[in-house]
Amino acid sequence: MSETYRQLIKRIYDSFNARDIDGVLVELADDVSWANGMEGGHVHGREAVRDYWTRQWTVISPHVEPVAIQTSGDDVIAVEVIQSIFDLEGQPLKDQAHGLKDKRVMHIFRMANGKIARFDIEDTPQVSSEDRARGRQD
């Protein structure tokens, strides 16, 4: 993976966790398709992503920490993240009514012309500790 993509990934997670919406939006294509992790489906366009996060951050305080970055093709970046969801006071959530919860997930970024054109969220495959120790992640 190019160092440019690695730096981009670090920047967008740092910006997201700092609630710097503009720091992320600058990296998105104008017509980006962005996964809506709370309600399902996708939102389309930078302003729709801004609106989605603005709504989300009035209800919860998510934090995503990248733990592994891989490429699968020239323009696809897969990032395994630890997703932690807190209430607005920074406490872990209980009895959540939305679909978000603390877990490991894969964030899939599809790039076009140096910008993020599509973002998807996938569950990570379960890997046993024995397989992880051997380096197998089928």
Protein backbone atom coordinates (compact mmCIF):
# COMPACT_ATOMS: atom_id res chain seq x y z
CA MET A 1 0.00 0.00 0.00
CA SER A 2 1.25 3.42 -0.78
CA GLU A 3 2.39 5.60 2.07
CA THR A 4 -0.05 8.22 0.79
CA TYR A 5 -3.02 5.90 1.49
CA ARG A 6 -1.62 4.95 4.91
CA GLN A 7 -1.34 8.65 5.80
CA LEU A 8 -4.85 9.33 4.48
CA ILE A 9 -6.29 6.55 6.65
CA LYS A 10 -4.51 7.86 9.75
CA ARG A 11 -5.73 11.41 9.02
CA ILE A 12 -9.38 10.48 8.58
CA TYR A 13 -9.53 8.39 11.77
CA ASP A 14 -7.75 11.09 13.76
CA SER A 15 -10.15 13.70 12.36
CA PHE A 16 -13.25 11.56 12.97
CA ASN A 17 -12.29 10.83 16.58
CA ALA A 18 -11.60 14.54 17.15
CA ARG A 19 -15.04 15.38 15.62
CA ASP A 20 -13.30 17.35 12.87
CA ILE A 21 -15.92 16.73 10.16
CA ASP A 22 -14.24 19.01 7.64
CA GLY A 23 -10.94 17.15 8.13
CA VAL A 24 -12.66 14.00 6.85
CA LEU A 25 -14.94 15.56 4.23
CA VAL A 26 -11.97 17.03 2.34
CA GLU A 27 -10.83 13.45 1.65
CA LEU A 28 -14.20 12.36 0.19
CA ALA A 29 -15.34 12.46 -3.42
CA ASP A 30 -18.19 14.93 -4.03
CA ASP A 31 -20.57 12.04 -4.77
CA VAL A 32 -19.28 9.66 -2.07
CA SER A 33 -21.48 6.74 -0.99
CA TRP A 34 -21.02 6.34 2.79
CA ALA A 35 -22.35 3.49 4.95
CA ASN A 36 -24.86 4.57 7.59
CA GLY A 37 -23.88 2.37 10.53
CA MET A 38 -26.79 3.49 12.72
CA GLU A 39 -29.77 3.25 10.40
CA GLY A 40 -28.51 1.05 7.55
CA GLY A 41 -28.04 1.81 3.88
CA HIS A 42 -25.79 4.57 2.60
CA VAL A 43 -25.84 8.34 2.53
CA HIS A 44 -24.71 10.06 -0.66
CA GLY A 45 -22.54 13.14 -1.01
CA ARG A 46 -20.34 15.08 1.40
CA GLU A 47 -23.15 17.13 2.91
CA ALA A 48 -25.18 13.97 3.57
CA VAL A 49 -22.17 12.54 5.44
CA ARG A 50 -21.95 15.78 7.46
CA ASP A 51 -25.67 15.57 8.30
CA TYR A 52 -25.38 11.87 9.25
CA TRP A 53 -22.47 12.47 11.63
CA THR A 54 -24.08 15.58 13.10
CA ARG A 55 -27.20 13.53 13.93
CA GLN A 56 -25.14 10.60 15.20
CA TRP A 57 -23.07 12.76 17.52
CA THR A 58 -26.19 14.17 19.21
CA VAL A 59 -27.06 10.62 20.35
CA ILE A 60 -23.77 8.77 20.86
CA SER A 61 -20.02 9.32 20.96
CA PRO A 62 -18.31 6.71 18.77
CA HIS A 63 -14.57 6.10 18.67
CA VAL A 64 -12.86 3.97 16.02
CA GLU A 65 -9.30 2.75 16.39
CA PRO A 66 -7.60 1.21 13.34
CA VAL A 67 -5.66 -1.96 14.21
CA ALA A 68 -4.81 -3.34 10.74
CA ILE A 69 -4.71 -1.87 7.24
CA GLN A 70 -4.64 -3.93 4.04
CA THR A 71 -5.12 -3.27 0.36
CA SER A 72 -6.93 -5.63 -1.98
CA GLY A 73 -6.34 -4.00 -5.31
CA ASP A 74 -4.98 -0.63 -6.24
CA ASP A 75 -7.98 1.34 -5.07
CA VAL A 76 -9.45 -0.69 -2.18
CA ILE A 77 -8.30 -0.28 1.42
CA ALA A 78 -9.61 -2.55 4.19
CA VAL A 79 -9.15 -1.29 7.74
CA GLU A 80 -9.92 -3.44 10.76
CA VAL A 81 -11.07 -1.17 13.57
CA ILE A 82 -12.14 -1.47 17.15
CA GLN A 83 -15.43 0.40 17.32
CA SER A 84 -16.31 1.71 20.78
CA ILE A 85 -19.63 3.43 21.43
CA PHE A 86 -20.13 5.77 24.39
CA ASP A 87 -22.92 8.00 25.63
CA LEU A 88 -22.51 11.75 25.44
CA GLU A 89 -20.84 11.78 28.86
CA GLY A 90 -18.20 9.29 27.71
CA GLN A 91 -19.66 6.26 29.49
CA PRO A 92 -20.12 2.87 27.77
CA LEU A 93 -23.66 2.46 26.45
CA LYS A 94 -26.19 0.07 27.92
CA ASP A 95 -29.53 -1.03 26.38
CA GLN A 96 -28.74 0.48 22.98
CA ALA A 97 -31.75 1.06 20.71
CA HIS A 98 -29.66 1.54 17.55
CA GLY A 99 -27.54 -0.99 15.69
CA LEU A 100 -24.16 0.24 16.90
CA LYS A 101 -22.21 -1.59 19.58
CA ASP A 102 -18.65 -2.15 20.72
CA LYS A 103 -16.99 -4.62 18.36
CA ARG A 104 -14.33 -5.16 15.72
CA VAL A 105 -15.45 -4.36 12.19
CA MET A 106 -13.89 -3.91 8.77
CA HIS A 107 -14.09 -0.52 7.11
CA ILE A 108 -13.75 -0.82 3.34
CA PHE A 109 -12.68 2.29 1.43
CA ARG A 110 -12.90 2.42 -2.36
CA MET A 111 -10.76 5.15 -3.86
CA ALA A 112 -11.21 7.09 -7.10
CA ASN A 113 -8.94 9.91 -8.26
CA GLY A 114 -7.24 10.09 -4.86
CA LYS A 115 -10.53 10.54 -2.94
CA ILE A 116 -12.75 8.13 -1.02
CA ALA A 117 -15.60 7.27 -3.38
CA ARG A 118 -17.33 4.59 -1.27
CA PHE A 119 -17.21 3.44 2.35
CA ASP A 120 -18.71 0.17 3.61
CA ILE A 121 -18.80 -1.58 6.98
CA GLU A 122 -18.45 -5.37 7.25
CA ASP A 123 -18.27 -7.72 10.20
CA THR A 124 -14.81 -9.16 10.76
CA PRO A 125 -14.38 -12.92 10.49
CA GLN A 126 -13.91 -14.64 13.81
CA VAL A 127 -10.35 -15.93 14.16
CA SER A 128 -9.35 -18.29 16.94
CA SER A 129 -6.40 -17.36 19.13
CA GLU A 130 -4.56 -20.46 17.83
CA ASP A 131 -5.04 -19.38 14.20
CA ARG A 132 -4.03 -15.81 15.06
CA ALA A 133 -0.86 -17.11 16.72
CA ARG A 134 -0.04 -19.04 13.53
CA GLY A 135 -0.81 -15.99 11.40
CA ARG A 136 -3.88 -17.56 9.73
CA GLN A 137 -6.88 -15.33 9.21
CA ASP A 138 -9.02 -17.25 6.70
